[in-house]
């Protein structure tokens, strides 16, 4: 079902991340979205980044008041900017 999410470009990952973060901000979807966000995070980002991102995303969705936290976008920033040490203005 989600197999086509594993080989996305940097730009596609960013777009999907923003979409998934926006979906996560809908309060009525929290308990449905929480486990789904874990699955998506682990598909989009392999290894420890995906596992930790999935845990953070799950906690963000089930704890009331944390819907504003853009976990997918922040994971993208970590993977493609902070971890590689590239300048931020390159992506703006």
PDB file of N, CA and C in Angstrom:
ATOM      1  N   UNK A   1       0.818  -1.199   0.000  1.00  0.00           N
ATOM      2  CA  UNK A   1       0.000   0.000   0.000  1.00  0.00           C
ATOM      3  C   UNK A   1       0.864   1.267   0.000  1.00  0.00           C
ATOM      4  N   UNK A   2       1.904   1.292   0.838  1.00  0.00           N
ATOM      5  CA  UNK A   2       2.766   2.462   0.937  1.00  0.00           C
ATOM      6  C   UNK A   2       4.133   2.219   0.309  1.00  0.00           C
ATOM      7  N   UNK A   3       4.264   1.214  -0.523  1.00  0.00           N
ATOM      8  CA  UNK A   3       5.581   0.868  -1.067  1.00  0.00           C
ATOM      9  C   UNK A   3       6.142   1.957  -1.976  1.00  0.00           C
ATOM     10  N   UNK A   4       5.280   2.754  -2.608  1.00  0.00           N
ATOM     11  CA  UNK A   4       5.781   3.803  -3.492  1.00  0.00           C
ATOM     12  C   UNK A   4       6.297   5.018  -2.722  1.00  0.00           C
ATOM     13  N   UNK A   5       6.229   5.012  -1.404  1.00  0.00           N
ATOM     14  CA  UNK A   5       6.735   6.115  -0.593  1.00  0.00           C
ATOM     15  C   UNK A   5       8.208   5.950  -0.238  1.00  0.00           C
ATOM     16  N   UNK A   6       8.811   4.847  -0.604  1.00  0.00           N
ATOM     17  CA  UNK A   6      10.168   4.557  -0.164  1.00  0.00           C
ATOM     18  C   UNK A   6      11.260   5.193  -1.022  1.00  0.00           C
ATOM     19  N   UNK A   7      10.977   5.548  -2.245  1.00  0.00           N
ATOM     20  CA  UNK A   7      12.011   6.086  -3.134  1.00  0.00           C
ATOM     21  C   UNK A   7      11.631   7.462  -3.664  1.00  0.00           C
ATOM     22  N   UNK A   8      11.297   8.362  -2.778  1.00  0.00           N
ATOM     23  CA  UNK A   8      10.896   9.704  -3.173  1.00  0.00           C
ATOM     24  C   UNK A   8      12.101  10.642  -3.203  1.00  0.00           C
ATOM     25  N   UNK A   9      12.013  11.661  -4.038  1.00  0.00           N
ATOM     26  CA  UNK A   9      13.068  12.672  -4.080  1.00  0.00           C
ATOM     27  C   UNK A   9      12.960  13.569  -2.847  1.00  0.00           C
ATOM     28  N   UNK A  10      13.970  14.380  -2.662  1.00  0.00           N
ATOM     29  CA  UNK A  10      14.006  15.318  -1.540  1.00  0.00           C
ATOM     30  C   UNK A  10      12.793  16.256  -1.580  1.00  0.00           C
ATOM     31  N   UNK A  11      12.486  16.749  -2.761  1.00  0.00           N
ATOM     32  CA  UNK A  11      11.361  17.674  -2.927  1.00  0.00           C
ATOM     33  C   UNK A  11      10.024  16.970  -2.672  1.00  0.00           C
ATOM     34  N   UNK A  12       9.878  15.735  -3.149  1.00  0.00           N
ATOM     35  CA  UNK A  12       8.650  14.980  -2.922  1.00  0.00           C
ATOM     36  C   UNK A  12       8.459  14.682  -1.438  1.00  0.00           C
ATOM     37  N   UNK A  13       9.536  14.323  -0.750  1.00  0.00           N
ATOM     38  CA  UNK A  13       9.454  14.083   0.693  1.00  0.00           C
ATOM     39  C   UNK A  13       8.986  15.334   1.428  1.00  0.00           C
ATOM     40  N   UNK A  14       9.488  16.478   1.007  1.00  0.00           N
ATOM     41  CA  UNK A  14       9.100  17.737   1.633  1.00  0.00           C
ATOM     42  C   UNK A  14       7.606  18.006   1.429  1.00  0.00           C
ATOM     43  N   UNK A  15       7.123  17.812   0.200  1.00  0.00           N
ATOM     44  CA  UNK A  15       5.706  18.040  -0.099  1.00  0.00           C
ATOM     45  C   UNK A  15       4.809  17.081   0.682  1.00  0.00           C
ATOM     46  N   UNK A  16       5.164  15.811   0.702  1.00  0.00           N
ATOM     47  CA  UNK A  16       4.379  14.846   1.473  1.00  0.00           C
ATOM     48  C   UNK A  16       4.415  15.188   2.963  1.00  0.00           C
ATOM     49  N   UNK A  17       5.567  15.618   3.447  1.00  0.00           N
ATOM     50  CA  UNK A  17       5.693  15.986   4.856  1.00  0.00           C
ATOM     51  C   UNK A  17       4.759  17.111   5.241  1.00  0.00           C
ATOM     52  N   UNK A  18       4.688  18.126   4.406  1.00  0.00           N
ATOM     53  CA  UNK A  18       3.777  19.235   4.692  1.00  0.00           C
ATOM     54  C   UNK A  18       2.331  18.756   4.658  1.00  0.00           C
ATOM     55  N   UNK A  19       1.978  17.943   3.678  1.00  0.00           N
ATOM     56  CA  UNK A  19       0.624  17.396   3.599  1.00  0.00           C
ATOM     57  C   UNK A  19       0.288  16.579   4.843  1.00  0.00           C
ATOM     58  N   UNK A  20       1.203  15.706   5.254  1.00  0.00           N
ATOM     59  CA  UNK A  20       0.952  14.864   6.421  1.00  0.00           C
ATOM     60  C   UNK A  20       0.872  15.694   7.702  1.00  0.00           C
ATOM     61  N   UNK A  21       1.677  16.738   7.811  1.00  0.00           N
ATOM     62  CA  UNK A  21       1.594  17.621   8.978  1.00  0.00           C
ATOM     63  C   UNK A  21       0.256  18.352   9.015  1.00  0.00           C
ATOM     64  N   UNK A  22      -0.231  18.778   7.858  1.00  0.00           N
ATOM     65  CA  UNK A  22      -1.539  19.441   7.813  1.00  0.00           C
ATOM     66  C   UNK A  22      -2.659  18.478   8.196  1.00  0.00           C
ATOM     67  N   UNK A  23      -2.584  17.243   7.728  1.00  0.00           N
ATOM     68  CA  UNK A  23      -3.580  16.241   8.121  1.00  0.00           C
ATOM     69  C   UNK A  23      -3.544  15.991   9.624  1.00  0.00           C
ATOM     70  N   UNK A  24      -2.361  16.004  10.194  1.00  0.00           N
ATOM     71  CA  UNK A  24      -2.218  15.771  11.625  1.00  0.00           C
ATOM     72  C   UNK A  24      -2.764  16.892  12.486  1.00  0.00           C
ATOM     73  N   UNK A  25      -3.000  18.050  11.891  1.00  0.00           N
ATOM     74  CA  UNK A  25      -3.536  19.175  12.650  1.00  0.00           C
ATOM     75  C   UNK A  25      -5.056  19.137  12.784  1.00  0.00           C
ATOM     76  N   UNK A  26      -5.707  18.199  12.121  1.00  0.00           N
ATOM     77  CA  UNK A  26      -7.161  18.073  12.216  1.00  0.00           C
ATOM     78  C   UNK A  26      -7.486  17.291  13.488  1.00  0.00           C
ATOM     79  N   UNK A  27      -8.087  17.950  14.481  1.00  0.00           N
ATOM     80  CA  UNK A  27      -8.304  17.306  15.787  1.00  0.00           C
ATOM     81  C   UNK A  27      -9.141  16.028  15.735  1.00  0.00           C
ATOM     82  N   UNK A  28     -10.108  15.950  14.856  1.00  0.00           N
ATOM     83  CA  UNK A  28     -10.976  14.777  14.811  1.00  0.00           C
ATOM     84  C   UNK A  28     -10.261  13.523  14.311  1.00  0.00           C
ATOM     85  N   UNK A  29      -9.133  13.687  13.660  1.00  0.00           N
ATOM     86  CA  UNK A  29      -8.403  12.545  13.099  1.00  0.00           C
ATOM     87  C   UNK A  29      -7.298  12.005  14.002  1.00  0.00           C
ATOM     88  N   UNK A  30      -7.079  12.610  15.157  1.00  0.00           N
ATOM     89  CA  UNK A  30      -5.905  12.284  15.972  1.00  0.00           C
ATOM     90  C   UNK A  30      -5.718  10.800  16.240  1.00  0.00           C
ATOM     91  N   UNK A  31      -6.743  10.108  16.710  1.00  0.00           N
ATOM     92  CA  UNK A  31      -6.553   8.712  17.104  1.00  0.00           C
ATOM     93  C   UNK A  31      -6.482   7.772  15.905  1.00  0.00           C
ATOM     94  N   UNK A  32      -6.992   8.203  14.774  1.00  0.00           N
ATOM     95  CA  UNK A  32      -6.826   7.422  13.545  1.00  0.00           C
ATOM     96  C   UNK A  32      -5.461   7.736  12.930  1.00  0.00           C
ATOM     97  N   UNK A  33      -5.090   9.008  12.975  1.00  0.00           N
ATOM     98  CA  UNK A  33      -3.862   9.467  12.339  1.00  0.00           C
ATOM     99  C   UNK A  33      -2.609   9.046  13.097  1.00  0.00           C
ATOM    100  N   UNK A  34      -2.684   8.919  14.416  1.00  0.00           N
ATOM    101  CA  UNK A  34      -1.489   8.618  15.222  1.00  0.00           C
ATOM    102  C   UNK A  34      -0.775   7.340  14.762  1.00  0.00           C
ATOM    103  N   UNK A  35      -1.437   6.190  14.687  1.00  0.00           N
ATOM    104  CA  UNK A  35      -0.716   4.991  14.235  1.00  0.00           C
ATOM    105  C   UNK A  35      -0.342   5.052  12.751  1.00  0.00           C
ATOM    106  N   UNK A  36      -1.174   5.721  11.955  1.00  0.00           N
ATOM    107  CA  UNK A  36      -0.868   5.856  10.537  1.00  0.00           C
ATOM    108  C   UNK A  36       0.370   6.722  10.324  1.00  0.00           C
ATOM    109  N   UNK A  37       0.522   7.754  11.141  1.00  0.00           N
ATOM    110  CA  UNK A  37       1.697   8.625  11.011  1.00  0.00           C
ATOM    111  C   UNK A  37       2.986   7.879  11.352  1.00  0.00           C
ATOM    112  N   UNK A  38       2.912   6.947  12.289  1.00  0.00           N
ATOM    113  CA  UNK A  38       4.091   6.132  12.617  1.00  0.00           C
ATOM    114  C   UNK A  38       4.490   5.293  11.401  1.00  0.00           C
ATOM    115  N   UNK A  39       3.518   4.656  10.794  1.00  0.00           N
ATOM    116  CA  UNK A  39       3.784   3.833   9.613  1.00  0.00           C
ATOM    117  C   UNK A  39       4.370   4.673   8.478  1.00  0.00           C
ATOM    118  N   UNK A  40       3.783   5.834   8.242  1.00  0.00           N
ATOM    119  CA  UNK A  40       4.279   6.703   7.174  1.00  0.00           C
ATOM    120  C   UNK A  40       5.688   7.206   7.461  1.00  0.00           C
ATOM    121  N   UNK A  41       5.937   7.591   8.697  1.00  0.00           N
ATOM    122  CA  UNK A  41       7.264   8.113   9.055  1.00  0.00           C
ATOM    123  C   UNK A  41       8.336   7.040   8.855  1.00  0.00           C
ATOM    124  N   UNK A  42       8.041   5.808   9.248  1.00  0.00           N
ATOM    125  CA  UNK A  42       9.031   4.740   9.093  1.00  0.00           C
ATOM    126  C   UNK A  42       9.210   4.334   7.629  1.00  0.00           C
ATOM    127  N   UNK A  43       8.196   4.557   6.791  1.00  0.00           N
ATOM    128  CA  UNK A  43       8.336   4.287   5.355  1.00  0.00           C
ATOM    129  C   UNK A  43       9.141   5.388   4.663  1.00  0.00           C
ATOM    130  N   UNK A  44       8.896   6.639   5.063  1.00  0.00           N
ATOM    131  CA  UNK A  44       9.568   7.763   4.421  1.00  0.00           C
ATOM    132  C   UNK A  44      11.031   7.870   4.824  1.00  0.00           C
ATOM    133  N   UNK A  45      11.328   7.583   6.085  1.00  0.00           N
ATOM    134  CA  UNK A  45      12.692   7.751   6.608  1.00  0.00           C
ATOM    135  C   UNK A  45      13.150   6.433   7.229  1.00  0.00           C
ATOM    136  N   UNK A  46      14.161   5.849   6.665  1.00  0.00           N
ATOM    137  CA  UNK A  46      14.664   4.544   7.110  1.00  0.00           C
ATOM    138  C   UNK A  46      15.539   4.657   8.356  1.00  0.00           C
ATOM    139  N   UNK A  47      15.724   3.548   9.021  1.00  0.00           N
ATOM    140  CA  UNK A  47      16.648   3.462  10.151  1.00  0.00           C
ATOM    141  C   UNK A  47      16.145   4.160  11.396  1.00  0.00           C
ATOM    142  N   UNK A  48      17.105   4.601  12.202  1.00  0.00           N
ATOM    143  CA  UNK A  48      16.773   5.232  13.479  1.00  0.00           C
ATOM    144  C   UNK A  48      15.997   6.530  13.316  1.00  0.00           C
ATOM    145  N   UNK A  49      16.259   7.263  12.243  1.00  0.00           N
ATOM    146  CA  UNK A  49      15.532   8.520  12.017  1.00  0.00           C
ATOM    147  C   UNK A  49      14.038   8.236  11.877  1.00  0.00           C
ATOM    148  N   UNK A  50      13.678   7.234  11.107  1.00  0.00           N
ATOM    149  CA  UNK A  50      12.277   6.873  10.931  1.00  0.00           C
ATOM    150  C   UNK A  50      11.640   6.355  12.205  1.00  0.00           C
ATOM    151  N   UNK A  51      12.394   5.557  12.959  1.00  0.00           N
ATOM    152  CA  UNK A  51      11.857   5.008  14.210  1.00  0.00           C
ATOM    153  C   UNK A  51      11.623   6.102  15.244  1.00  0.00           C
ATOM    154  N   UNK A  52      12.605   6.954  15.429  1.00  0.00           N
ATOM    155  CA  UNK A  52      12.467   8.039  16.403  1.00  0.00           C
ATOM    156  C   UNK A  52      11.418   9.038  15.925  1.00  0.00           C
ATOM    157  N   UNK A  53      11.440   9.361  14.640  1.00  0.00           N
ATOM    158  CA  UNK A  53      10.432  10.254  14.083  1.00  0.00           C
ATOM    159  C   UNK A  53       9.033   9.695  14.245  1.00  0.00           C
ATOM    160  N   UNK A  54       8.882   8.393  14.070  1.00  0.00           N
ATOM    161  CA  UNK A  54       7.586   7.749  14.261  1.00  0.00           C
ATOM    162  C   UNK A  54       7.102   7.846  15.693  1.00  0.00           C
ATOM    163  N   UNK A  55       8.009   7.641  16.643  1.00  0.00           N
ATOM    164  CA  UNK A  55       7.625   7.763  18.057  1.00  0.00           C
ATOM    165  C   UNK A  55       7.218   9.192  18.390  1.00  0.00           C
ATOM    166  N   UNK A  56       7.988  10.150  17.911  1.00  0.00           N
ATOM    167  CA  UNK A  56       7.669  11.560  18.166  1.00  0.00           C
ATOM    168  C   UNK A  56       6.330  11.916  17.528  1.00  0.00           C
ATOM    169  N   UNK A  57       6.113  11.455  16.319  1.00  0.00           N
ATOM    170  CA  UNK A  57       4.866  11.732  15.615  1.00  0.00           C
ATOM    171  C   UNK A  57       3.672  11.126  16.354  1.00  0.00           C
ATOM    172  N   UNK A  58       3.822   9.909  16.852  1.00  0.00           N
ATOM    173  CA  UNK A  58       2.738   9.260  17.592  1.00  0.00           C
ATOM    174  C   UNK A  58       2.405  10.044  18.859  1.00  0.00           C
ATOM    175  N   UNK A  59       3.428  10.397  19.618  1.00  0.00           N
ATOM    176  CA  UNK A  59       3.215  11.158  20.856  1.00  0.00           C
ATOM    177  C   UNK A  59       2.567  12.499  20.541  1.00  0.00           C
ATOM    178  N   UNK A  60       3.029  13.144  19.498  1.00  0.00           N
ATOM    179  CA  UNK A  60       2.466  14.436  19.104  1.00  0.00           C
ATOM    180  C   UNK A  60       0.978  14.328  18.792  1.00  0.00           C
ATOM    181  N   UNK A  61       0.570  13.238  18.184  1.00  0.00           N
ATOM    182  CA  UNK A  61      -0.835  13.080  17.807  1.00  0.00           C
ATOM    183  C   UNK A  61      -1.737  12.691  18.973  1.00  0.00           C
ATOM    184  N   UNK A  62      -1.241  11.918  19.922  1.00  0.00           N
ATOM    185  CA  UNK A  62      -2.121  11.470  21.007  1.00  0.00           C
ATOM    186  C   UNK A  62      -2.163  12.425  22.194  1.00  0.00           C
ATOM    187  N   UNK A  63      -1.169  13.292  22.342  1.00  0.00           N
ATOM    188  CA  UNK A  63      -1.169  14.254  23.449  1.00  0.00           C
ATOM    189  C   UNK A  63      -1.939  15.498  23.004  1.00  0.00           C
ATOM    190  N   UNK A  64      -3.000  15.836  23.727  1.00  0.00           N
ATOM    191  CA  UNK A  64      -3.791  17.020  23.355  1.00  0.00           C
ATOM    192  C   UNK A  64      -2.942  18.294  23.385  1.00  0.00           C
ATOM    193  N   UNK A  65      -3.150  19.136  22.400  1.00  0.00           N
ATOM    194  CA  UNK A  65      -2.466  20.419  22.347  1.00  0.00           C
ATOM    195  C   UNK A  65      -1.156  20.429  21.586  1.00  0.00           C
ATOM    196  N   UNK A  66      -0.694  19.285  21.117  1.00  0.00           N
ATOM    197  CA  UNK A  66       0.581  19.239  20.389  1.00  0.00           C
ATOM    198  C   UNK A  66       0.404  19.139  18.877  1.00  0.00           C
ATOM    199  N   UNK A  67      -0.808  19.354  18.395  1.00  0.00           N
ATOM    200  CA  UNK A  67      -1.068  19.222  16.954  1.00  0.00           C
ATOM    201  C   UNK A  67      -0.291  20.207  16.099  1.00  0.00           C
ATOM    202  N   UNK A  68       0.166  21.278  16.688  1.00  0.00           N
ATOM    203  CA  UNK A  68       0.889  22.296  15.922  1.00  0.00           C
ATOM    204  C   UNK A  68       2.309  21.869  15.566  1.00  0.00           C
ATOM    205  N   UNK A  69       2.830  20.821  16.181  1.00  0.00           N
ATOM    206  CA  UNK A  69       4.211  20.376  15.994  1.00  0.00           C
ATOM    207  C   UNK A  69       4.348  19.677  14.638  1.00  0.00           C
ATOM    208  N   UNK A  70       5.085  20.245  13.686  1.00  0.00           N
ATOM    209  CA  UNK A  70       5.204  19.651  12.343  1.00  0.00           C
ATOM    210  C   UNK A  70       6.280  18.559  12.287  1.00  0.00           C
ATOM    211  N   UNK A  71       5.977  17.391  12.789  1.00  0.00           N
ATOM    212  CA  UNK A  71       6.987  16.339  12.935  1.00  0.00           C
ATOM    213  C   UNK A  71       7.575  15.873  11.602  1.00  0.00           C
ATOM    214  N   UNK A  72       6.766  15.759  10.556  1.00  0.00           N
ATOM    215  CA  UNK A  72       7.290  15.313   9.258  1.00  0.00           C
ATOM    216  C   UNK A  72       8.225  16.360   8.658  1.00  0.00           C
ATOM    217  N   UNK A  73       7.833  17.622   8.752  1.00  0.00           N
ATOM    218  CA  UNK A  73       8.666  18.697   8.208  1.00  0.00           C
ATOM    219  C   UNK A  73       9.961  18.838   8.993  1.00  0.00           C
ATOM    220  N   UNK A  74       9.882  18.734  10.303  1.00  0.00           N
ATOM    221  CA  UNK A  74      11.091  18.827  11.123  1.00  0.00           C
ATOM    222  C   UNK A  74      12.026  17.643  10.889  1.00  0.00           C
ATOM    223  N   UNK A  75      11.469  16.475  10.632  1.00  0.00           N
ATOM    224  CA  UNK A  75      12.304  15.318  10.304  1.00  0.00           C
ATOM    225  C   UNK A  75      13.016  15.552   8.975  1.00  0.00           C
ATOM    226  N   UNK A  76      12.321  16.112   8.003  1.00  0.00           N
ATOM    227  CA  UNK A  76      12.934  16.438   6.711  1.00  0.00           C
ATOM    228  C   UNK A  76      14.082  17.433   6.908  1.00  0.00           C
ATOM    229  N   UNK A  77      13.845  18.458   7.719  1.00  0.00           N
ATOM    230  CA  UNK A  77      14.886  19.457   7.994  1.00  0.00           C
ATOM    231  C   UNK A  77      16.095  18.798   8.649  1.00  0.00           C
ATOM    232  N   UNK A  78      15.837  17.895   9.583  1.00  0.00           N
ATOM    233  CA  UNK A  78      16.948  17.193  10.241  1.00  0.00           C
ATOM    234  C   UNK A  78      17.750  16.375   9.229  1.00  0.00           C
ATOM    235  N   UNK A  79      17.061  15.600   8.401  1.00  0.00           N
ATOM    236  CA  UNK A  79      17.741  14.694   7.470  1.00  0.00           C
ATOM    237  C   UNK A  79      18.488  15.443   6.372  1.00  0.00           C
ATOM    238  N   UNK A  80      17.870  16.447   5.789  1.00  0.00           N
ATOM    239  CA  UNK A  80      18.444  17.070   4.599  1.00  0.00           C
ATOM    240  C   UNK A  80      19.195  18.372   4.854  1.00  0.00           C
ATOM    241  N   UNK A  81      19.067  18.958   6.022  1.00  0.00           N
ATOM    242  CA  UNK A  81      19.777  20.210   6.289  1.00  0.00           C
ATOM    243  C   UNK A  81      20.717  20.059   7.478  1.00  0.00           C
ATOM    244  N   UNK A  82      20.183  19.739   8.637  1.00  0.00           N
ATOM    245  CA  UNK A  82      21.006  19.692   9.849  1.00  0.00           C
ATOM    246  C   UNK A  82      22.023  18.562   9.833  1.00  0.00           C
ATOM    247  N   UNK A  83      21.596  17.384   9.448  1.00  0.00           N
ATOM    248  CA  UNK A  83      22.477  16.220   9.466  1.00  0.00           C
ATOM    249  C   UNK A  83      23.605  16.342   8.435  1.00  0.00           C
ATOM    250  N   UNK A  84      23.328  16.977   7.321  1.00  0.00           N
ATOM    251  CA  UNK A  84      24.330  17.116   6.261  1.00  0.00           C
ATOM    252  C   UNK A  84      25.139  18.386   6.396  1.00  0.00           C
ATOM    253  N   UNK A  85      24.709  19.295   7.247  1.00  0.00           N
ATOM    254  CA  UNK A  85      25.443  20.531   7.448  1.00  0.00           C
ATOM    255  C   UNK A  85      25.357  21.505   6.285  1.00  0.00           C
ATOM    256  N   UNK A  86      24.283  21.402   5.496  1.00  0.00           N
ATOM    257  CA  UNK A  86      24.118  22.296   4.359  1.00  0.00           C
ATOM    258  C   UNK A  86      23.482  23.608   4.812  1.00  0.00           C
ATOM    259  N   UNK A  87      23.802  24.719   4.152  1.00  0.00           N
ATOM    260  CA  UNK A  87      23.208  25.997   4.540  1.00  0.00           C
ATOM    261  C   UNK A  87      21.708  26.023   4.278  1.00  0.00           C
ATOM    262  N   UNK A  88      20.971  26.629   5.189  1.00  0.00           N
ATOM    263  CA  UNK A  88      19.514  26.675   5.095  1.00  0.00           C
ATOM    264  C   UNK A  88      19.064  27.455   3.869  1.00  0.00           C
ATOM    265  N   UNK A  89      19.757  28.529   3.505  1.00  0.00           N
ATOM    266  CA  UNK A  89      19.314  29.356   2.383  1.00  0.00           C
ATOM    267  C   UNK A  89      19.369  28.628   1.039  1.00  0.00           C
ATOM    268  N   UNK A  90      20.007  27.487   0.984  1.00  0.00           N
ATOM    269  CA  UNK A  90      20.050  26.698  -0.246  1.00  0.00           C
ATOM    270  C   UNK A  90      18.669  26.135  -0.572  1.00  0.00           C
ATOM    271  N   UNK A  91      17.818  25.949   0.427  1.00  0.00           N
ATOM    272  CA  UNK A  91      16.518  25.327   0.230  1.00  0.00           C
ATOM    273  C   UNK A  91      15.381  26.326   0.193  1.00  0.00           C
ATOM    274  N   UNK A  92      15.679  27.587   0.411  1.00  0.00           N
ATOM    275  CA  UNK A  92      14.617  28.600   0.460  1.00  0.00           C
ATOM    276  C   UNK A  92      14.471  29.254  -0.897  1.00  0.00           C
TER     277      UNK A  92
END
